[in-house]
Amino acid sequence: MIASIRESKARLSEFVALANSGEEVVITVRGKPSAKLVPIQGSNDKRDKIAWGKEISARLAQQQPPAPGTSSQEIIDQLREERF
């Protein structure tokens, strides 16, 4: 399927579903192909999803809860620092 950037903005959910089902979606900008939506390899594999869930659970278990009295802005600042 080929769609303009404008159409892809309006129908993104539909196009992602099409890509997940195996259809290639080409997005054009000013009539020229610019990007392509394709499914991620192995994204539908149940074992991959289970492994991902276990990894997330393990990471969450390692996190320490914020100290009592910590403001929400302090928590956000700490999370930003961890990302970089």
Foldseek 3Di string as FASTA:
>chain_A
DEEEPVVCVVCVVVVLVCQQVPDKYFYDYPPHTDDIRHDDPCPPPPVVVVVVVVVVVVVVVPDDDDDPPDDPVNVVVVVVVVVD
